[in-house]
């Protein structure tokens, strides 16, 4: 029996391993501005939030220009570099087969659902919210509250899964529990209710009814 019946998922860094492509695109934007930073530092900055990363690097002077350059180079990456984490389909399917439902909540646009459709994963989801829906950014709970109201869900039956504090804080602000998917061990100090570094580890917890 599942502890939670309704699972809300972030996309980047949670369902799909997209940070390598994000770092590459951000590095190209930085190079255009003659800024030299190691990949490790760029990863730490963009992992927090892209807009915050651009503002901190640009010192508030050309943050929007950096973001525009980033989006240009991100388009060049192509959808083939959007790849799911190993074991994702198995974990999602297990939850579905035990009565659970999935919902997407991402700051990414339609490219997220498109990649999931390509990989045969979108049919496992009941609904989702992307940037195209215009909700305030995480950690604001508005998008999660919208989905819960739309599907008549109680927060106690719901859990938010994400790879960053803003994902989990959005869940907390919506009254639901949270799970940290920390494949890169970037937030070892965050007081997560549950923490997994792989979907194999998560699936084991589901199979042994620890989750």
Foldseek 3Di string as FASTA:
>chain_A
DAQAQEEEEEADPFFWPCLVLLLVLLVVLCVVVVHDDDSVVSSLLVVAPLLRSLCVVCVNPCSVSSVVSSVVSSVVVDLVSTGGAPLNVVLLVVSVVVNHAYEYEYQAPCSRVVSCVVVVNNVSHDYYDYVVVPDDAFPAQVRVLVVCVVVVHDQSNYEYEEAYPRRQSNSVNSVHAYEHQPLPCSCVPDPHPHYHNGNVVVVVCVVVVVD
